[in-house]
């Protein structure tokens, strides 16, 4: 299995640690505590996948997604936006025009996240 870089953007250390636990065995998980830091890291490191919370300070997940999509160097990067505040349909509505993205609810079973990441990586070269 190819070891890939996952950029995880969330203002919760607990969530970042959980993502590390889920994925670090097979992938490198890079932490960002807000969307502004995540955008800098995305431009610098060009991750294979970005998982971002929607509600963050400095640059929220939807703004972060829009900035990524505008950048020709990283605009193709698959992104998962997830939230406990907004449901997947609400996230997609907020991000209107910034697709593609996968929207998930943080309260879903983590198996949904793991299978989504696997599916996204299966479609990448």
PDB file of N, CA and C in Angstrom:
ATOM      1  N   UNK A   1       0.845  -1.191   0.000  1.00  0.00           N
ATOM      2  CA  UNK A   1       0.000   0.000   0.000  1.00  0.00           C
ATOM      3  C   UNK A   1       0.884   1.245   0.000  1.00  0.00           C
ATOM      4  N   UNK A   2       0.545   2.181  -0.850  1.00  0.00           N
ATOM      5  CA  UNK A   2       1.274   3.434  -0.957  1.00  0.00           C
ATOM      6  C   UNK A   2       0.971   4.311   0.254  1.00  0.00           C
ATOM      7  N   UNK A   3       2.026   4.780   0.930  1.00  0.00           N
ATOM      8  CA  UNK A   3       1.857   5.673   2.082  1.00  0.00           C
ATOM      9  C   UNK A   3       1.583   7.079   1.546  1.00  0.00           C
ATOM     10  N   UNK A   4       0.458   7.648   1.910  1.00  0.00           N
ATOM     11  CA  UNK A   4       0.043   8.949   1.401  1.00  0.00           C
ATOM     12  C   UNK A   4      -0.036   9.963   2.531  1.00  0.00           C
ATOM     13  N   UNK A   5      -0.034  11.232   2.158  1.00  0.00           N
ATOM     14  CA  UNK A   5      -0.143  12.318   3.123  1.00  0.00           C
ATOM     15  C   UNK A   5      -1.598  12.764   3.242  1.00  0.00           C
ATOM     16  N   UNK A   6      -2.071  12.810   4.475  1.00  0.00           N
ATOM     17  CA  UNK A   6      -3.411  13.312   4.781  1.00  0.00           C
ATOM     18  C   UNK A   6      -3.241  14.567   5.621  1.00  0.00           C
ATOM     19  N   UNK A   7      -3.779  15.677   5.146  1.00  0.00           N
ATOM     20  CA  UNK A   7      -3.781  16.908   5.923  1.00  0.00           C
ATOM     21  C   UNK A   7      -5.086  16.957   6.704  1.00  0.00           C
ATOM     22  N   UNK A   8      -4.981  17.012   8.024  1.00  0.00           N
ATOM     23  CA  UNK A   8      -6.149  17.051   8.904  1.00  0.00           C
ATOM     24  C   UNK A   8      -6.246  18.434   9.530  1.00  0.00           C
ATOM     25  N   UNK A   9      -7.337  19.149   9.252  1.00  0.00           N
ATOM     26  CA  UNK A   9      -7.544  20.494   9.779  1.00  0.00           C
ATOM     27  C   UNK A   9      -8.714  20.476  10.756  1.00  0.00           C
ATOM     28  N   UNK A  10      -8.405  20.765  12.006  1.00  0.00           N
ATOM     29  CA  UNK A  10      -9.447  20.776  13.038  1.00  0.00           C
ATOM     30  C   UNK A  10      -8.894  21.523  14.233  1.00  0.00           C
ATOM     31  N   UNK A  11      -9.755  22.283  14.929  1.00  0.00           N
ATOM     32  CA  UNK A  11      -9.288  23.001  16.112  1.00  0.00           C
ATOM     33  C   UNK A  11      -9.364  22.158  17.381  1.00  0.00           C
ATOM     34  N   UNK A  12      -9.749  20.911  17.254  1.00  0.00           N
ATOM     35  CA  UNK A  12      -9.813  20.003  18.393  1.00  0.00           C
ATOM     36  C   UNK A  12      -8.633  19.030  18.367  1.00  0.00           C
ATOM     37  N   UNK A  13      -7.827  19.077  19.419  1.00  0.00           N
ATOM     38  CA  UNK A  13      -6.707  18.145  19.541  1.00  0.00           C
ATOM     39  C   UNK A  13      -7.216  16.713  19.604  1.00  0.00           C
ATOM     40  N   UNK A  14      -8.336  16.505  20.262  1.00  0.00           N
ATOM     41  CA  UNK A  14      -8.920  15.170  20.361  1.00  0.00           C
ATOM     42  C   UNK A  14      -9.252  14.604  18.983  1.00  0.00           C
ATOM     43  N   UNK A  15      -9.832  15.421  18.124  1.00  0.00           N
ATOM     44  CA  UNK A  15     -10.172  14.977  16.773  1.00  0.00           C
ATOM     45  C   UNK A  15      -8.903  14.681  15.975  1.00  0.00           C
ATOM     46  N   UNK A  16      -7.920  15.568  16.064  1.00  0.00           N
ATOM     47  CA  UNK A  16      -6.667  15.346  15.343  1.00  0.00           C
ATOM     48  C   UNK A  16      -5.989  14.064  15.811  1.00  0.00           C
ATOM     49  N   UNK A  17      -5.993  13.823  17.109  1.00  0.00           N
ATOM     50  CA  UNK A  17      -5.408  12.589  17.642  1.00  0.00           C
ATOM     51  C   UNK A  17      -6.188  11.368  17.167  1.00  0.00           C
ATOM     52  N   UNK A  18      -7.500  11.490  17.066  1.00  0.00           N
ATOM     53  CA  UNK A  18      -8.327  10.378  16.574  1.00  0.00           C
ATOM     54  C   UNK A  18      -8.002  10.063  15.111  1.00  0.00           C
ATOM     55  N   UNK A  19      -7.840  11.100  14.310  1.00  0.00           N
ATOM     56  CA  UNK A  19      -7.478  10.895  12.905  1.00  0.00           C
ATOM     57  C   UNK A  19      -6.100  10.249  12.797  1.00  0.00           C
ATOM     58  N   UNK A  20      -5.204  10.662  13.657  1.00  0.00           N
ATOM     59  CA  UNK A  20      -3.880  10.043  13.714  1.00  0.00           C
ATOM     60  C   UNK A  20      -4.007   8.553  14.023  1.00  0.00           C
ATOM     61  N   UNK A  21      -4.817   8.233  15.021  1.00  0.00           N
ATOM     62  CA  UNK A  21      -5.023   6.831  15.408  1.00  0.00           C
ATOM     63  C   UNK A  21      -5.623   6.013  14.270  1.00  0.00           C
ATOM     64  N   UNK A  22      -6.536   6.608  13.545  1.00  0.00           N
ATOM     65  CA  UNK A  22      -7.200   5.898  12.451  1.00  0.00           C
ATOM     66  C   UNK A  22      -6.295   5.645  11.257  1.00  0.00           C
ATOM     67  N   UNK A  23      -5.441   6.617  10.933  1.00  0.00           N
ATOM     68  CA  UNK A  23      -4.751   6.565   9.644  1.00  0.00           C
ATOM     69  C   UNK A  23      -3.228   6.474   9.694  1.00  0.00           C
ATOM     70  N   UNK A  24      -2.593   6.765  10.821  1.00  0.00           N
ATOM     71  CA  UNK A  24      -1.138   6.878  10.826  1.00  0.00           C
ATOM     72  C   UNK A  24      -0.401   5.552  10.628  1.00  0.00           C
ATOM     73  N   UNK A  25      -1.078   4.460  10.782  1.00  0.00           N
ATOM     74  CA  UNK A  25      -0.424   3.167  10.544  1.00  0.00           C
ATOM     75  C   UNK A  25      -0.023   3.012   9.071  1.00  0.00           C
ATOM     76  N   UNK A  26      -0.834   3.558   8.179  1.00  0.00           N
ATOM     77  CA  UNK A  26      -0.584   3.400   6.751  1.00  0.00           C
ATOM     78  C   UNK A  26      -0.285   4.709   6.021  1.00  0.00           C
ATOM     79  N   UNK A  27      -0.587   5.840   6.668  1.00  0.00           N
ATOM     80  CA  UNK A  27      -0.421   7.131   6.008  1.00  0.00           C
ATOM     81  C   UNK A  27       0.209   8.130   6.973  1.00  0.00           C
ATOM     82  N   UNK A  28       0.739   9.194   6.431  1.00  0.00           N
ATOM     83  CA  UNK A  28       1.283  10.283   7.248  1.00  0.00           C
ATOM     84  C   UNK A  28       0.154  11.292   7.468  1.00  0.00           C
ATOM     85  N   UNK A  29      -0.162  11.586   8.713  1.00  0.00           N
ATOM     86  CA  UNK A  29      -1.212  12.549   9.045  1.00  0.00           C
ATOM     87  C   UNK A  29      -0.551  13.836   9.521  1.00  0.00           C
ATOM     88  N   UNK A  30      -0.851  14.923   8.828  1.00  0.00           N
ATOM     89  CA  UNK A  30      -0.288  16.234   9.134  1.00  0.00           C
ATOM     90  C   UNK A  30      -1.391  17.062   9.787  1.00  0.00           C
ATOM     91  N   UNK A  31      -1.101  17.641  10.942  1.00  0.00           N
ATOM     92  CA  UNK A  31      -2.110  18.380  11.708  1.00  0.00           C
ATOM     93  C   UNK A  31      -2.058  19.876  11.424  1.00  0.00           C
ATOM     94  N   UNK A  32      -3.235  20.491  11.349  1.00  0.00           N
ATOM     95  CA  UNK A  32      -3.378  21.946  11.269  1.00  0.00           C
ATOM     96  C   UNK A  32      -4.511  22.339  12.213  1.00  0.00           C
ATOM     97  N   UNK A  33      -4.262  23.330  13.066  1.00  0.00           N
ATOM     98  CA  UNK A  33      -5.244  23.728  14.078  1.00  0.00           C
ATOM     99  C   UNK A  33      -6.300  24.699  13.576  1.00  0.00           C
ATOM    100  N   UNK A  34      -6.170  25.173  12.338  1.00  0.00           N
ATOM    101  CA  UNK A  34      -7.200  26.034  11.744  1.00  0.00           C
ATOM    102  C   UNK A  34      -7.016  26.047  10.233  1.00  0.00           C
ATOM    103  N   UNK A  35      -7.960  26.659   9.540  1.00  0.00           N
ATOM    104  CA  UNK A  35      -7.929  26.660   8.087  1.00  0.00           C
ATOM    105  C   UNK A  35      -6.789  27.461   7.488  1.00  0.00           C
ATOM    106  N   UNK A  36      -6.365  28.523   8.161  1.00  0.00           N
ATOM    107  CA  UNK A  36      -5.257  29.335   7.645  1.00  0.00           C
ATOM    108  C   UNK A  36      -3.961  28.535   7.656  1.00  0.00           C
ATOM    109  N   UNK A  37      -3.702  27.848   8.750  1.00  0.00           N
ATOM    110  CA  UNK A  37      -2.510  26.989   8.826  1.00  0.00           C
ATOM    111  C   UNK A  37      -2.633  25.864   7.812  1.00  0.00           C
ATOM    112  N   UNK A  38      -3.810  25.288   7.696  1.00  0.00           N
ATOM    113  CA  UNK A  38      -4.028  24.194   6.750  1.00  0.00           C
ATOM    114  C   UNK A  38      -3.766  24.636   5.315  1.00  0.00           C
ATOM    115  N   UNK A  39      -4.186  25.842   4.957  1.00  0.00           N
ATOM    116  CA  UNK A  39      -3.960  26.332   3.602  1.00  0.00           C
ATOM    117  C   UNK A  39      -2.464  26.474   3.319  1.00  0.00           C
ATOM    118  N   UNK A  40      -1.734  27.013   4.266  1.00  0.00           N
ATOM    119  CA  UNK A  40      -0.273  27.128   4.111  1.00  0.00           C
ATOM    120  C   UNK A  40       0.356  25.754   3.940  1.00  0.00           C
ATOM    121  N   UNK A  41      -0.039  24.802   4.785  1.00  0.00           N
ATOM    122  CA  UNK A  41       0.517  23.451   4.697  1.00  0.00           C
ATOM    123  C   UNK A  41       0.120  22.755   3.401  1.00  0.00           C
ATOM    124  N   UNK A  42      -1.103  22.959   2.961  1.00  0.00           N
ATOM    125  CA  UNK A  42      -1.559  22.337   1.711  1.00  0.00           C
ATOM    126  C   UNK A  42      -0.727  22.841   0.535  1.00  0.00           C
ATOM    127  N   UNK A  43      -0.464  24.125   0.512  1.00  0.00           N
ATOM    128  CA  UNK A  43       0.340  24.693  -0.583  1.00  0.00           C
ATOM    129  C   UNK A  43       1.789  24.219  -0.511  1.00  0.00           C
ATOM    130  N   UNK A  44       2.279  24.056   0.686  1.00  0.00           N
ATOM    131  CA  UNK A  44       3.673  23.640   0.876  1.00  0.00           C
ATOM    132  C   UNK A  44       3.869  22.145   0.641  1.00  0.00           C
ATOM    133  N   UNK A  45       2.969  21.323   1.167  1.00  0.00           N
ATOM    134  CA  UNK A  45       3.168  19.876   1.177  1.00  0.00           C
ATOM    135  C   UNK A  45       2.396  19.110   0.108  1.00  0.00           C
ATOM    136  N   UNK A  46       1.372  19.738  -0.464  1.00  0.00           N
ATOM    137  CA  UNK A  46       0.532  19.106  -1.484  1.00  0.00           C
ATOM    138  C   UNK A  46       0.080  17.701  -1.073  1.00  0.00           C
ATOM    139  N   UNK A  47      -0.767  17.630  -0.066  1.00  0.00           N
ATOM    140  CA  UNK A  47      -1.216  16.325   0.433  1.00  0.00           C
ATOM    141  C   UNK A  47      -2.062  15.580  -0.592  1.00  0.00           C
ATOM    142  N   UNK A  48      -2.194  14.296  -0.378  1.00  0.00           N
ATOM    143  CA  UNK A  48      -3.017  13.458  -1.250  1.00  0.00           C
ATOM    144  C   UNK A  48      -4.501  13.597  -0.914  1.00  0.00           C
ATOM    145  N   UNK A  49      -4.798  14.021   0.326  1.00  0.00           N
ATOM    146  CA  UNK A  49      -6.171  14.137   0.806  1.00  0.00           C
ATOM    147  C   UNK A  49      -6.210  15.167   1.921  1.00  0.00           C
ATOM    148  N   UNK A  50      -7.316  15.901   2.002  1.00  0.00           N
ATOM    149  CA  UNK A  50      -7.535  16.850   3.091  1.00  0.00           C
ATOM    150  C   UNK A  50      -8.838  16.485   3.789  1.00  0.00           C
ATOM    151  N   UNK A  51      -8.773  16.399   5.105  1.00  0.00           N
ATOM    152  CA  UNK A  51      -9.965  16.219   5.943  1.00  0.00           C
ATOM    153  C   UNK A  51     -10.064  17.464   6.807  1.00  0.00           C
ATOM    154  N   UNK A  52     -11.170  18.186   6.707  1.00  0.00           N
ATOM    155  CA  UNK A  52     -11.296  19.442   7.425  1.00  0.00           C
ATOM    156  C   UNK A  52     -12.626  19.570   8.143  1.00  0.00           C
ATOM    157  N   UNK A  53     -12.555  20.094   9.345  1.00  0.00           N
ATOM    158  CA  UNK A  53     -13.751  20.498  10.067  1.00  0.00           C
ATOM    159  C   UNK A  53     -14.340  21.705   9.339  1.00  0.00           C
ATOM    160  N   UNK A  54     -15.614  21.929   9.499  1.00  0.00           N
ATOM    161  CA  UNK A  54     -16.246  23.091   8.884  1.00  0.00           C
ATOM    162  C   UNK A  54     -16.089  24.314   9.781  1.00  0.00           C
ATOM    163  N   UNK A  55     -16.326  24.157  11.074  1.00  0.00           N
ATOM    164  CA  UNK A  55     -16.311  25.287  11.998  1.00  0.00           C
ATOM    165  C   UNK A  55     -14.934  25.388  12.666  1.00  0.00           C
ATOM    166  N   UNK A  56     -14.149  26.365  12.202  1.00  0.00           N
ATOM    167  CA  UNK A  56     -12.818  26.632  12.774  1.00  0.00           C
ATOM    168  C   UNK A  56     -12.584  28.132  12.757  1.00  0.00           C
ATOM    169  N   UNK A  57     -11.674  28.568  13.621  1.00  0.00           N
ATOM    170  CA  UNK A  57     -11.280  29.975  13.624  1.00  0.00           C
ATOM    171  C   UNK A  57     -10.239  30.211  12.540  1.00  0.00           C
ATOM    172  N   UNK A  58      -9.960  31.455  12.265  1.00  0.00           N
ATOM    173  CA  UNK A  58      -8.935  31.933  11.331  1.00  0.00           C
ATOM    174  C   UNK A  58      -9.365  31.752   9.871  1.00  0.00           C
ATOM    175  N   UNK A  59      -9.860  30.600   9.520  1.00  0.00           N
ATOM    176  CA  UNK A  59     -10.379  30.344   8.174  1.00  0.00           C
ATOM    177  C   UNK A  59     -11.224  29.085   8.330  1.00  0.00           C
ATOM    178  N   UNK A  60     -12.531  29.208   8.152  1.00  0.00           N
ATOM    179  CA  UNK A  60     -13.369  28.022   8.370  1.00  0.00           C
ATOM    180  C   UNK A  60     -13.192  27.026   7.230  1.00  0.00           C
ATOM    181  N   UNK A  61     -13.750  25.842   7.400  1.00  0.00           N
ATOM    182  CA  UNK A  61     -13.566  24.777   6.436  1.00  0.00           C
ATOM    183  C   UNK A  61     -14.077  25.091   5.042  1.00  0.00           C
ATOM    184  N   UNK A  62     -15.181  25.797   4.936  1.00  0.00           N
ATOM    185  CA  UNK A  62     -15.734  26.147   3.626  1.00  0.00           C
ATOM    186  C   UNK A  62     -14.842  27.179   2.941  1.00  0.00           C
ATOM    187  N   UNK A  63     -14.383  28.181   3.680  1.00  0.00           N
ATOM    188  CA  UNK A  63     -13.458  29.167   3.106  1.00  0.00           C
ATOM    189  C   UNK A  63     -12.157  28.487   2.683  1.00  0.00           C
ATOM    190  N   UNK A  64     -11.676  27.579   3.516  1.00  0.00           N
ATOM    191  CA  UNK A  64     -10.465  26.820   3.213  1.00  0.00           C
ATOM    192  C   UNK A  64     -10.653  26.025   1.919  1.00  0.00           C
ATOM    193  N   UNK A  65     -11.788  25.334   1.799  1.00  0.00           N
ATOM    194  CA  UNK A  65     -12.099  24.583   0.583  1.00  0.00           C
ATOM    195  C   UNK A  65     -12.071  25.498  -0.642  1.00  0.00           C
ATOM    196  N   UNK A  66     -12.695  26.657  -0.541  1.00  0.00           N
ATOM    197  CA  UNK A  66     -12.735  27.593  -1.678  1.00  0.00           C
ATOM    198  C   UNK A  66     -11.329  28.042  -2.086  1.00  0.00           C
ATOM    199  N   UNK A  67     -10.489  28.320  -1.095  1.00  0.00           N
ATOM    200  CA  UNK A  67      -9.116  28.734  -1.391  1.00  0.00           C
ATOM    201  C   UNK A  67      -8.329  27.600  -2.055  1.00  0.00           C
ATOM    202  N   UNK A  68      -8.529  26.386  -1.579  1.00  0.00           N
ATOM    203  CA  UNK A  68      -7.854  25.230  -2.193  1.00  0.00           C
ATOM    204  C   UNK A  68      -8.309  25.083  -3.642  1.00  0.00           C
ATOM    205  N   UNK A  69      -9.596  25.155  -3.894  1.00  0.00           N
ATOM    206  CA  UNK A  69     -10.127  24.973  -5.247  1.00  0.00           C
ATOM    207  C   UNK A  69      -9.656  26.067  -6.210  1.00  0.00           C
ATOM    208  N   UNK A  70      -9.347  27.253  -5.689  1.00  0.00           N
ATOM    209  CA  UNK A  70      -8.859  28.355  -6.537  1.00  0.00           C
ATOM    210  C   UNK A  70      -7.385  28.204  -6.917  1.00  0.00           C
ATOM    211  N   UNK A  71      -6.651  27.392  -6.194  1.00  0.00           N
ATOM    212  CA  UNK A  71      -5.208  27.262  -6.401  1.00  0.00           C
ATOM    213  C   UNK A  71      -4.927  26.163  -7.422  1.00  0.00           C
ATOM    214  N   UNK A  72      -4.350  26.487  -8.572  1.00  0.00           N
ATOM    215  CA  UNK A  72      -4.139  25.472  -9.605  1.00  0.00           C
ATOM    216  C   UNK A  72      -3.192  24.345  -9.197  1.00  0.00           C
ATOM    217  N   UNK A  73      -2.343  24.594  -8.216  1.00  0.00           N
ATOM    218  CA  UNK A  73      -1.392  23.569  -7.780  1.00  0.00           C
ATOM    219  C   UNK A  73      -2.036  22.513  -6.884  1.00  0.00           C
ATOM    220  N   UNK A  74      -3.040  22.904  -6.111  1.00  0.00           N
ATOM    221  CA  UNK A  74      -3.652  21.965  -5.155  1.00  0.00           C
ATOM    222  C   UNK A  74      -5.161  21.832  -5.345  1.00  0.00           C
ATOM    223  N   UNK A  75      -5.714  22.528  -6.313  1.00  0.00           N
ATOM    224  CA  UNK A  75      -7.162  22.564  -6.509  1.00  0.00           C
ATOM    225  C   UNK A  75      -7.812  21.229  -6.778  1.00  0.00           C
ATOM    226  N   UNK A  76      -7.048  20.259  -7.224  1.00  0.00           N
ATOM    227  CA  UNK A  76      -7.573  18.921  -7.529  1.00  0.00           C
ATOM    228  C   UNK A  76      -7.584  17.991  -6.312  1.00  0.00           C
ATOM    229  N   UNK A  77      -7.027  18.434  -5.203  1.00  0.00           N
ATOM    230  CA  UNK A  77      -6.894  17.585  -4.020  1.00  0.00           C
ATOM    231  C   UNK A  77      -8.263  17.158  -3.487  1.00  0.00           C
ATOM    232  N   UNK A  78      -8.477  15.855  -3.302  1.00  0.00           N
ATOM    233  CA  UNK A  78      -9.746  15.419  -2.711  1.00  0.00           C
ATOM    234  C   UNK A  78      -9.899  15.983  -1.300  1.00  0.00           C
ATOM    235  N   UNK A  79     -11.123  16.401  -0.979  1.00  0.00           N
ATOM    236  CA  UNK A  79     -11.392  16.965   0.344  1.00  0.00           C
ATOM    237  C   UNK A  79     -12.636  16.349   0.958  1.00  0.00           C
ATOM    238  N   UNK A  80     -12.520  16.105   2.244  1.00  0.00           N
ATOM    239  CA  UNK A  80     -13.656  15.698   3.061  1.00  0.00           C
ATOM    240  C   UNK A  80     -13.901  16.828   4.049  1.00  0.00           C
ATOM    241  N   UNK A  81     -15.100  17.381   4.029  1.00  0.00           N
ATOM    242  CA  UNK A  81     -15.514  18.353   5.038  1.00  0.00           C
ATOM    243  C   UNK A  81     -16.487  17.639   5.961  1.00  0.00           C
ATOM    244  N   UNK A  82     -16.258  17.788   7.259  1.00  0.00           N
ATOM    245  CA  UNK A  82     -17.173  17.153   8.201  1.00  0.00           C
ATOM    246  C   UNK A  82     -17.456  18.096   9.351  1.00  0.00           C
ATOM    247  N   UNK A  83     -18.600  17.855   9.996  1.00  0.00           N
ATOM    248  CA  UNK A  83     -19.054  18.783  11.022  1.00  0.00           C
ATOM    249  C   UNK A  83     -20.009  18.097  11.982  1.00  0.00           C
ATOM    250  N   UNK A  84     -20.024  18.586  13.213  1.00  0.00           N
ATOM    251  CA  UNK A  84     -21.073  18.170  14.147  1.00  0.00           C
ATOM    252  C   UNK A  84     -22.202  19.188  14.139  1.00  0.00           C
ATOM    253  N   UNK A  85     -21.937  20.375  13.615  1.00  0.00           N
ATOM    254  CA  UNK A  85     -22.924  21.458  13.594  1.00  0.00           C
ATOM    255  C   UNK A  85     -23.835  21.348  12.379  1.00  0.00           C
ATOM    256  N   UNK A  86     -23.247  21.045  11.209  1.00  0.00           N
ATOM    257  CA  UNK A  86     -23.999  20.989   9.963  1.00  0.00           C
ATOM    258  C   UNK A  86     -24.036  19.562   9.432  1.00  0.00           C
ATOM    259  N   UNK A  87     -25.164  19.194   8.850  1.00  0.00           N
ATOM    260  CA  UNK A  87     -25.280  17.903   8.194  1.00  0.00           C
ATOM    261  C   UNK A  87     -24.638  17.958   6.818  1.00  0.00           C
ATOM    262  N   UNK A  88     -24.413  16.798   6.192  1.00  0.00           N
ATOM    263  CA  UNK A  88     -23.772  16.756   4.875  1.00  0.00           C
ATOM    264  C   UNK A  88     -24.475  17.620   3.820  1.00  0.00           C
ATOM    265  N   UNK A  89     -25.805  17.629   3.797  1.00  0.00           N
ATOM    266  CA  UNK A  89     -26.521  18.440   2.808  1.00  0.00           C
ATOM    267  C   UNK A  89     -26.269  19.932   3.046  1.00  0.00           C
ATOM    268  N   UNK A  90     -26.230  20.350   4.310  1.00  0.00           N
ATOM    269  CA  UNK A  90     -25.956  21.747   4.634  1.00  0.00           C
ATOM    270  C   UNK A  90     -24.530  22.143   4.236  1.00  0.00           C
ATOM    271  N   UNK A  91     -23.588  21.234   4.481  1.00  0.00           N
ATOM    272  CA  UNK A  91     -22.190  21.506   4.119  1.00  0.00           C
ATOM    273  C   UNK A  91     -22.075  21.684   2.608  1.00  0.00           C
ATOM    274  N   UNK A  92     -22.711  20.797   1.861  1.00  0.00           N
ATOM    275  CA  UNK A  92     -22.663  20.911   0.393  1.00  0.00           C
ATOM    276  C   UNK A  92     -23.312  22.213  -0.076  1.00  0.00           C
ATOM    277  N   UNK A  93     -24.384  22.623   0.579  1.00  0.00           N
ATOM    278  CA  UNK A  93     -25.031  23.886   0.213  1.00  0.00           C
ATOM    279  C   UNK A  93     -24.116  25.072   0.527  1.00  0.00           C
ATOM    280  N   UNK A  94     -23.452  25.045   1.671  1.00  0.00           N
ATOM    281  CA  UNK A  94     -22.525  26.120   2.033  1.00  0.00           C
ATOM    282  C   UNK A  94     -21.351  26.196   1.058  1.00  0.00           C
ATOM    283  N   UNK A  95     -20.909  25.041   0.577  1.00  0.00           N
ATOM    284  CA  UNK A  95     -19.745  24.972  -0.313  1.00  0.00           C
ATOM    285  C   UNK A  95     -20.116  25.074  -1.780  1.00  0.00           C
ATOM    286  N   UNK A  96     -21.349  25.372  -2.068  1.00  0.00           N
ATOM    287  CA  UNK A  96     -21.837  25.440  -3.441  1.00  0.00           C
ATOM    288  C   UNK A  96     -20.834  26.146  -4.357  1.00  0.00           C
ATOM    289  N   UNK A  97     -20.461  25.459  -5.418  1.00  0.00           N
ATOM    290  CA  UNK A  97     -19.508  26.017  -6.366  1.00  0.00           C
ATOM    291  C   UNK A  97     -18.064  25.655  -6.075  1.00  0.00           C
ATOM    292  N   UNK A  98     -17.818  24.956  -4.983  1.00  0.00           N
ATOM    293  CA  UNK A  98     -16.448  24.590  -4.605  1.00  0.00           C
ATOM    294  C   UNK A  98     -16.235  23.085  -4.637  1.00  0.00           C
ATOM    295  N   UNK A  99     -17.068  22.394  -5.363  1.00  0.00           N
ATOM    296  CA  UNK A  99     -16.939  20.969  -5.461  1.00  0.00           C
ATOM    297  C   UNK A  99     -15.718  20.616  -6.324  1.00  0.00           C
ATOM    298  N   UNK A 100     -15.263  19.410  -6.306  1.00  0.00           N
ATOM    299  CA  UNK A 100     -15.843  18.274  -5.612  1.00  0.00           C
ATOM    300  C   UNK A 100     -15.430  18.233  -4.146  1.00  0.00           C
ATOM    301  N   UNK A 101     -16.286  17.661  -3.358  1.00  0.00           N
ATOM    302  CA  UNK A 101     -16.005  17.426  -1.959  1.00  0.00           C
ATOM    303  C   UNK A 101     -16.891  16.310  -1.468  1.00  0.00           C
ATOM    304  N   UNK A 102     -16.465  15.694  -0.390  1.00  0.00           N
ATOM    305  CA  UNK A 102     -17.294  14.724   0.304  1.00  0.00           C
ATOM    306  C   UNK A 102     -17.668  15.373   1.626  1.00  0.00           C
ATOM    307  N   UNK A 103     -18.943  15.379   1.956  1.00  0.00           N
ATOM    308  CA  UNK A 103     -19.416  15.954   3.208  1.00  0.00           C
ATOM    309  C   UNK A 103     -19.885  14.826   4.113  1.00  0.00           C
ATOM    310  N   UNK A 104     -19.375  14.828   5.338  1.00  0.00           N
ATOM    311  CA  UNK A 104     -19.744  13.801   6.317  1.00  0.00           C
ATOM    312  C   UNK A 104     -20.138  14.464   7.620  1.00  0.00           C
ATOM    313  N   UNK A 105     -20.888  13.720   8.417  1.00  0.00           N
ATOM    314  CA  UNK A 105     -21.247  14.154   9.747  1.00  0.00           C
ATOM    315  C   UNK A 105     -20.240  13.548  10.716  1.00  0.00           C
ATOM    316  N   UNK A 106     -19.647  14.364  11.580  1.00  0.00           N
ATOM    317  CA  UNK A 106     -18.653  13.862  12.534  1.00  0.00           C
ATOM    318  C   UNK A 106     -19.235  12.820  13.484  1.00  0.00           C
ATOM    319  N   UNK A 107     -20.531  12.857  13.690  1.00  0.00           N
ATOM    320  CA  UNK A 107     -21.126  11.898  14.619  1.00  0.00           C
ATOM    321  C   UNK A 107     -21.395  10.541  13.970  1.00  0.00           C
ATOM    322  N   UNK A 108     -21.132  10.423  12.648  1.00  0.00           N
ATOM    323  CA  UNK A 108     -21.253   9.122  11.986  1.00  0.00           C
ATOM    324  C   UNK A 108     -20.216   8.161  12.541  1.00  0.00           C
ATOM    325  N   UNK A 109     -20.459   6.916  12.327  1.00  0.00           N
ATOM    326  CA  UNK A 109     -19.500   5.889  12.686  1.00  0.00           C
ATOM    327  C   UNK A 109     -18.183   6.180  11.967  1.00  0.00           C
ATOM    328  N   UNK A 110     -17.072   6.025  12.655  1.00  0.00           N
ATOM    329  CA  UNK A 110     -15.774   6.300  12.043  1.00  0.00           C
ATOM    330  C   UNK A 110     -15.464   5.355  10.888  1.00  0.00           C
ATOM    331  N   UNK A 111     -16.147   4.217  10.836  1.00  0.00           N
ATOM    332  CA  UNK A 111     -15.978   3.315   9.693  1.00  0.00           C
ATOM    333  C   UNK A 111     -16.379   4.000   8.389  1.00  0.00           C
ATOM    334  N   UNK A 112     -17.343   4.914   8.465  1.00  0.00           N
ATOM    335  CA  UNK A 112     -17.762   5.668   7.276  1.00  0.00           C
ATOM    336  C   UNK A 112     -16.598   6.527   6.793  1.00  0.00           C
ATOM    337  N   UNK A 113     -15.915   7.183   7.705  1.00  0.00           N
ATOM    338  CA  UNK A 113     -14.760   8.005   7.336  1.00  0.00           C
ATOM    339  C   UNK A 113     -13.652   7.136   6.742  1.00  0.00           C
ATOM    340  N   UNK A 114     -13.340   6.029   7.395  1.00  0.00           N
ATOM    341  CA  UNK A 114     -12.280   5.143   6.915  1.00  0.00           C
ATOM    342  C   UNK A 114     -12.604   4.605   5.523  1.00  0.00           C
ATOM    343  N   UNK A 115     -13.828   4.181   5.303  1.00  0.00           N
ATOM    344  CA  UNK A 115     -14.195   3.646   3.990  1.00  0.00           C
ATOM    345  C   UNK A 115     -14.188   4.752   2.928  1.00  0.00           C
ATOM    346  N   UNK A 116     -14.559   5.973   3.307  1.00  0.00           N
ATOM    347  CA  UNK A 116     -14.533   7.092   2.367  1.00  0.00           C
ATOM    348  C   UNK A 116     -13.092   7.414   1.965  1.00  0.00           C
ATOM    349  N   UNK A 117     -12.201   7.439   2.936  1.00  0.00           N
ATOM    350  CA  UNK A 117     -10.785   7.690   2.636  1.00  0.00           C
ATOM    351  C   UNK A 117     -10.246   6.596   1.719  1.00  0.00           C
ATOM    352  N   UNK A 118     -10.551   5.348   2.014  1.00  0.00           N
ATOM    353  CA  UNK A 118     -10.099   4.234   1.167  1.00  0.00           C
ATOM    354  C   UNK A 118     -10.628   4.375  -0.254  1.00  0.00           C
ATOM    355  N   UNK A 119     -11.891   4.725  -0.369  1.00  0.00           N
ATOM    356  CA  UNK A 119     -12.499   4.896  -1.697  1.00  0.00           C
ATOM    357  C   UNK A 119     -11.832   6.030  -2.466  1.00  0.00           C
ATOM    358  N   UNK A 120     -11.572   7.141  -1.797  1.00  0.00           N
ATOM    359  CA  UNK A 120     -10.919   8.267  -2.462  1.00  0.00           C
ATOM    360  C   UNK A 120      -9.503   7.904  -2.899  1.00  0.00           C
ATOM    361  N   UNK A 121      -8.782   7.172  -2.067  1.00  0.00           N
ATOM    362  CA  UNK A 121      -7.431   6.773  -2.437  1.00  0.00           C
ATOM    363  C   UNK A 121      -7.445   5.735  -3.571  1.00  0.00           C
ATOM    364  N   UNK A 122      -8.474   4.920  -3.610  1.00  0.00           N
ATOM    365  CA  UNK A 122      -8.574   3.927  -4.707  1.00  0.00           C
ATOM    366  C   UNK A 122      -8.765   4.598  -6.069  1.00  0.00           C
ATOM    367  N   UNK A 123      -9.298   5.812  -6.084  1.00  0.00           N
ATOM    368  CA  UNK A 123      -9.539   6.504  -7.351  1.00  0.00           C
ATOM    369  C   UNK A 123      -8.375   7.371  -7.778  1.00  0.00           C
ATOM    370  N   UNK A 124      -7.349   7.474  -6.916  1.00  0.00           N
ATOM    371  CA  UNK A 124      -6.170   8.279  -7.257  1.00  0.00           C
ATOM    372  C   UNK A 124      -5.112   7.419  -7.912  1.00  0.00           C
ATOM    373  N   UNK A 125      -4.311   8.036  -8.781  1.00  0.00           N
ATOM    374  CA  UNK A 125      -3.202   7.264  -9.392  1.00  0.00           C
ATOM    375  C   UNK A 125      -2.136   6.928  -8.390  1.00  0.00           C
TER     376      UNK A 125
END
